Protein backbone atom coordinates (compact mmCIF):
# COMPACT_ATOMS: atom_id res chain seq x y z
CA MET A 1 160.56 104.45 27.43
CA LEU A 2 159.46 105.88 23.85
CA ARG A 3 155.98 107.22 25.86
CA ARG A 4 158.08 108.07 29.28
CA SER A 5 160.25 109.82 27.19
CA PHE A 6 157.98 111.56 25.29
CA ILE A 7 155.88 112.39 28.33
CA SER A 8 159.18 113.75 29.94
CA ARG A 9 159.48 116.08 27.43
CA ALA A 10 155.66 117.27 27.43
CA ALA A 11 156.11 117.75 30.83
CA LEU A 12 159.36 120.15 30.18
CA GLY A 13 157.75 121.86 27.53
CA CYS A 14 154.67 122.87 29.58
CA ALA A 15 156.76 123.66 32.48
CA ALA A 16 158.71 126.32 30.18
CA ALA A 17 155.40 127.84 28.47
CA VAL A 18 154.40 127.79 32.06
CA ALA A 19 157.31 129.91 33.54
CA LEU A 20 157.14 132.39 30.15
CA PHE A 21 153.20 132.81 30.76
CA GLY A 22 154.79 133.74 34.08
CA LEU A 23 157.76 136.02 32.68
CA GLY A 24 154.84 137.68 30.89
CA LEU A 25 153.06 138.55 33.20
CA GLY A 26 155.52 139.50 35.28
CA ALA A 27 156.97 142.33 32.70
CA THR A 28 153.04 143.30 32.01
CA ALA A 29 152.87 144.05 35.72
CA ARG A 30 155.95 146.17 35.99
CA ALA A 31 155.07 147.58 33.01
CA GLU A 32 151.86 148.95 35.27
CA GLU A 33 153.80 149.57 38.26
CA ARG A 34 155.27 152.94 36.69
CA PHE A 35 154.10 155.28 38.99
CA ILE A 36 155.84 158.17 41.59
CA THR A 37 154.59 158.77 44.82
CA VAL A 38 154.19 162.58 46.01
CA ALA A 39 154.17 163.82 49.78
CA SER A 40 151.10 166.45 49.71
CA THR A 41 149.09 168.44 52.51
CA THR A 42 146.05 166.56 53.71
CA SER A 43 143.70 169.61 51.85
CA THR A 44 144.72 168.41 48.06
CA GLU A 45 143.62 165.01 49.36
CA ASP A 46 140.56 165.99 51.16
CA SER A 47 138.89 168.37 48.96
CA GLY A 48 138.93 165.79 46.24
CA LEU A 49 141.23 167.59 44.13
CA PHE A 50 143.63 164.84 43.58
CA LYS A 51 140.80 162.65 43.07
CA ALA A 52 139.90 165.08 40.16
CA LEU A 53 143.35 165.77 38.73
CA LEU A 54 145.35 162.82 38.92
CA PRO A 55 143.25 159.96 36.30
CA THR A 56 143.87 162.88 33.46
CA PHE A 57 147.42 162.92 34.51
CA THR A 58 148.22 159.65 34.08
CA ALA A 59 146.30 159.20 31.02
CA LYS A 60 148.30 161.91 29.45
CA THR A 61 151.69 160.40 30.56
CA GLY A 62 150.84 156.70 31.56
CA ILE A 63 152.36 157.23 34.86
CA ALA A 64 150.41 156.90 38.36
CA VAL A 65 150.42 158.76 41.16
CA ARG A 66 150.60 157.80 44.57
CA VAL A 67 149.35 160.14 47.17
CA VAL A 68 150.86 160.17 50.86
CA ALA A 69 149.01 163.06 52.38
CA LYS A 70 149.88 164.35 55.35
CA GLY A 71 150.38 167.76 57.20
CA THR A 72 152.62 170.29 55.31
CA GLY A 73 155.26 169.42 58.30
CA GLN A 74 155.07 166.28 58.12
CA ALA A 75 155.24 166.00 54.37
CA ILE A 76 158.77 167.51 54.14
CA ASP A 77 159.61 165.25 56.76
CA LEU A 78 159.15 162.61 54.75
CA ALA A 79 160.49 164.10 51.90
CA LYS A 80 163.62 164.84 53.34
CA ARG A 81 164.24 161.30 53.73
CA GLY A 82 163.92 160.99 50.54
CA ASP A 83 160.32 159.26 50.66
CA ALA A 84 158.65 160.46 48.26
CA ASP A 85 159.53 161.78 44.51
CA VAL A 86 157.44 165.24 44.37
CA LEU A 87 156.16 167.26 47.49
CA PHE A 88 153.19 169.78 47.27
CA VAL A 89 152.32 171.84 50.06
CA HIS A 90 151.32 174.98 51.09
CA HIS A 91 153.71 177.04 53.51
CA LYS A 92 155.73 178.89 50.97
CA PRO A 93 158.57 179.87 54.37
CA SER A 94 159.03 175.99 54.65
CA GLU A 95 158.70 175.48 51.11
CA ASP A 96 161.58 177.60 50.62
CA LYS A 97 163.39 176.60 53.59
CA PHE A 98 163.51 173.02 51.62
CA VAL A 99 164.68 174.21 48.50
CA ALA A 100 168.11 176.05 50.70
CA GLU A 101 168.70 173.15 52.35
CA GLY A 102 169.32 171.43 49.27
CA PHE A 103 166.13 169.13 49.01
CA ALA A 104 165.01 169.87 45.69
CA ALA A 105 166.38 172.23 43.09
CA GLU A 106 163.76 175.01 42.79
CA ARG A 107 160.22 175.27 43.81
CA LYS A 108 157.15 176.10 41.28
CA PRO A 109 153.61 178.04 42.65
CA VAL A 110 151.07 176.22 41.54
CA MET A 111 147.70 177.32 43.00
CA TYR A 112 145.93 179.19 45.57
CA ASN A 113 142.68 179.38 47.87
CA ASP A 114 142.18 180.96 51.05
CA PHE A 115 141.41 180.16 54.84
CA VAL A 116 138.28 180.73 56.67
CA ILE A 117 136.83 180.65 59.93
CA VAL A 118 133.85 178.08 60.38
CA GLY A 119 132.01 178.26 63.80
CA PRO A 120 128.49 177.78 65.09
CA ALA A 121 125.86 179.49 63.71
CA LYS A 122 124.80 181.24 66.85
CA ASP A 123 128.39 182.42 67.45
CA PRO A 124 128.94 183.09 70.89
CA ALA A 125 131.91 184.95 70.31
CA GLY A 126 130.08 187.86 67.79
CA VAL A 127 132.64 186.87 64.93
CA LYS A 128 130.34 186.49 61.79
CA GLY A 129 130.70 189.21 58.86
CA SER A 130 134.38 190.63 60.02
CA THR A 131 136.79 190.57 57.26
CA ASP A 132 139.63 191.49 60.21
CA VAL A 133 141.14 187.72 61.20
CA ALA A 134 142.96 189.24 64.19
CA ASP A 135 139.76 190.96 65.54
CA ALA A 136 138.10 187.64 65.36
CA LEU A 137 140.28 185.73 66.90
CA GLY A 138 140.51 188.35 69.66
CA LYS A 139 136.90 188.06 70.30
CA ILE A 140 136.68 184.06 70.59
CA ALA A 141 140.05 184.18 72.64
CA ALA A 142 137.74 186.55 74.99
CA ALA A 143 134.94 184.98 75.14
CA LYS A 144 136.31 181.52 76.05
CA ALA A 145 134.59 179.68 72.56
CA PRO A 146 135.43 176.42 71.81
CA PHE A 147 138.08 176.50 69.17
CA VAL A 148 139.68 173.44 67.56
CA SER A 149 142.93 173.59 66.16
CA ARG A 150 144.93 170.63 63.89
CA GLY A 151 147.81 171.06 66.11
CA ASP A 152 149.66 169.13 63.33
CA ASP A 153 152.31 171.28 62.19
CA SER A 154 150.09 170.98 58.95
CA GLY A 155 150.52 174.22 56.81
CA THR A 156 146.58 175.26 58.23
CA HIS A 157 148.54 174.73 61.53
CA LYS A 158 151.31 177.00 61.18
CA ALA A 159 148.88 179.35 59.47
CA GLU A 160 146.77 179.76 62.19
CA LEU A 161 149.46 180.23 64.79
CA SER A 162 150.55 182.81 62.76
CA LEU A 163 147.34 184.28 62.74
CA TRP A 164 146.89 184.57 66.85
CA LYS A 165 150.63 186.26 66.47
CA THR A 166 148.70 189.11 64.29
CA ALA A 167 146.46 189.39 67.22
CA ASN A 168 149.08 189.16 70.19
CA LEU A 169 147.94 186.40 71.47
CA ASP A 170 149.44 182.81 72.20
CA PRO A 171 146.73 180.20 72.52
CA ALA A 172 149.00 177.83 74.40
CA LYS A 173 148.88 179.87 77.52
CA ALA A 174 145.41 179.86 76.87
CA GLU A 175 143.55 178.89 80.33
CA GLY A 176 140.10 177.38 80.65
CA GLY A 177 140.33 174.44 78.27
CA TRP A 178 138.67 176.75 75.44
CA TYR A 179 141.43 175.81 72.88
CA LYS A 180 141.71 172.34 71.47
CA ALA A 181 145.05 171.18 70.12
CA ILE A 182 144.02 167.80 68.50
CA GLY A 183 146.59 167.13 66.59
CA GLN A 184 144.84 165.23 63.56
CA GLY A 185 143.89 166.31 60.42
CA MET A 186 141.42 168.64 58.61
CA GLY A 187 138.49 166.55 58.45
CA PRO A 188 138.70 165.20 62.15
CA THR A 189 139.06 168.44 63.49
CA LEU A 190 136.03 170.46 61.33
CA ASN A 191 133.72 167.16 62.91
CA THR A 192 135.27 168.23 66.54
CA ALA A 193 134.31 171.85 65.90
CA ALA A 194 130.40 170.47 65.28
CA ALA A 195 130.61 168.06 67.77
CA LEU A 196 131.36 171.07 69.96
CA GLU A 197 129.65 173.63 69.01
CA GLY A 198 133.13 175.73 67.96
CA TYR A 199 135.56 177.55 66.14
CA ALA A 200 137.98 176.30 63.62
CA LEU A 201 140.70 177.73 60.82
CA ALA A 202 139.85 175.56 57.58
CA ASP A 203 141.43 175.60 54.27
CA ARG A 204 138.53 176.85 51.67
CA GLY A 205 139.16 173.85 49.48
CA THR A 206 138.19 171.14 52.59
CA TRP A 207 135.63 173.04 53.48
CA LEU A 208 133.60 173.18 50.99
CA ASN A 209 133.77 169.28 50.30
CA PHE A 210 133.01 168.64 53.86
CA LYS A 211 129.99 167.02 54.62
CA ASN A 212 129.31 166.88 58.41
CA ARG A 213 129.40 170.41 58.96
CA GLY A 214 126.50 169.99 61.33
CA GLY A 215 125.91 173.47 62.80
CA LEU A 216 128.76 175.34 61.33
CA ALA A 217 129.19 178.07 58.74
CA VAL A 218 131.88 180.04 57.59
CA LEU A 219 132.26 183.09 59.33
CA VAL A 220 135.03 185.16 58.62
CA GLU A 221 136.58 185.60 55.58
CA GLY A 222 138.65 187.92 53.20
CA ASP A 223 141.54 188.98 55.64
CA LYS A 224 144.58 189.34 52.94
CA ARG A 225 146.26 187.64 55.91
CA LEU A 226 144.01 184.36 54.96
CA PHE A 227 145.61 184.14 51.72
CA ASN A 228 147.21 180.61 51.20
CA GLN A 229 149.67 179.56 48.75
CA TYR A 230 150.30 175.91 47.57
CA GLY A 231 153.45 174.83 45.95
CA VAL A 232 155.02 171.57 44.00
CA MET A 233 158.67 170.42 44.40
CA LEU A 234 160.78 167.55 42.66
CA VAL A 235 162.55 165.94 45.63
CA SER A 236 166.32 166.43 44.66
CA PRO A 237 167.62 162.92 42.55
CA ALA A 238 170.99 164.27 43.19
CA LYS A 239 170.52 164.07 47.48
CA PHE A 240 168.37 160.92 46.89
CA PRO A 241 169.68 158.80 43.65
CA HIS A 242 166.58 156.96 43.95
CA VAL A 243 163.92 159.47 43.25
CA LYS A 244 162.24 158.93 40.18
CA ALA A 245 162.93 162.03 39.25
CA LYS A 246 162.16 161.48 35.32
CA ASP A 247 158.38 160.70 35.70
CA GLY A 248 158.33 163.21 39.57
CA GLN A 249 159.28 166.05 36.59
CA SER A 250 156.75 165.45 34.35
CA PHE A 251 154.26 165.60 37.26
CA VAL A 252 155.50 169.35 38.75
CA ASP A 253 155.78 170.51 34.63
CA TRP A 254 152.02 169.24 34.26
CA LEU A 255 150.84 170.71 37.16
CA VAL A 256 152.09 174.66 36.06
CA SER A 257 151.37 173.57 32.00
CA ALA A 258 148.35 175.07 30.30
CA ASP A 259 146.94 171.72 30.93
CA GLY A 260 146.70 171.16 34.59
CA GLN A 261 146.17 174.68 35.30
CA LYS A 262 143.19 174.31 33.18
CA ALA A 263 142.18 170.85 35.06
CA ILE A 264 142.93 172.69 38.83
CA ALA A 265 140.52 175.66 37.77
CA ASP A 266 137.75 173.65 36.09
CA TYR A 267 137.48 171.63 39.23
CA GLN A 268 134.34 172.73 41.02
CA ILE A 269 131.75 171.70 43.81
CA ASP A 270 127.80 173.41 43.61
CA GLY A 271 129.30 175.72 41.36
CA GLN A 272 132.21 177.35 43.42
CA SER A 273 136.15 177.19 42.56
CA LEU A 274 138.08 175.14 45.46
CA PHE A 275 141.71 176.50 43.85
CA PHE A 276 142.89 179.40 41.62
CA PRO A 277 146.01 178.89 39.40
CA ASN A 278 148.88 180.62 39.77
CA ALA A 279 151.59 179.11 38.21
CA ASN A 280 152.38 181.99 36.02
CA GLU A 281 152.67 184.54 39.28
CA PRO A 282 155.69 186.00 39.90
CA GLY A 283 156.98 185.77 43.45
CA VAL A 284 153.74 183.93 45.33
């Protein structure tokens, strides 16, 4: 009886120890699960910027960042459903509307770069060297040269449609099949353009980090209408109480701080800067 009782007590002790150990692991796991979700444009991911920035932010704050990279329109929709803590995109009219509708208290500018038109080196539309984007698009349309559009309601797609308007053209009514809206991100769009020896509008950051260029090259750049501004917003905790407001605000504040702005400025590929910080510039 004594031996049986001793074994029972020992077994209970082991079970308790295992349970406590399990609780300890659970607590550790919970501690390691401190993270925020950022809905962002694909260009911040495809350019390699987040890969460069996020480890620095996490090391400083202990907050991990999980990125959901979508076209700007889809990223905004995600944030409007309360499925993100922070929104980081690049279409100011849409961002201002997001704030006006109460989905964020404020929008902060972070950085900018520019769009470029890339195309085949043989340049059948004859746009190489142009700094007039409307004129270049007109020549592409006149030549019925293949033009690959993201067609995904992204910031780049929105910018592209606006640029067609400046050229007084509606590519949706294009005949001959030269205009191809593929409904995908920047990487697949550039891959398709390379395969078709066609033209495309790209953000410079993704272009510089793009490896599968084939015969594509930057043909049109320098027009002020190709300016590409990025903004960041904390999703409203008043509208969505589950938003991780404190940690999300920490990320927003870091991006526009001197440290965050320096980290953005320091990110380069082959000596070329992909983004230029401008958090302190009003009205952008």
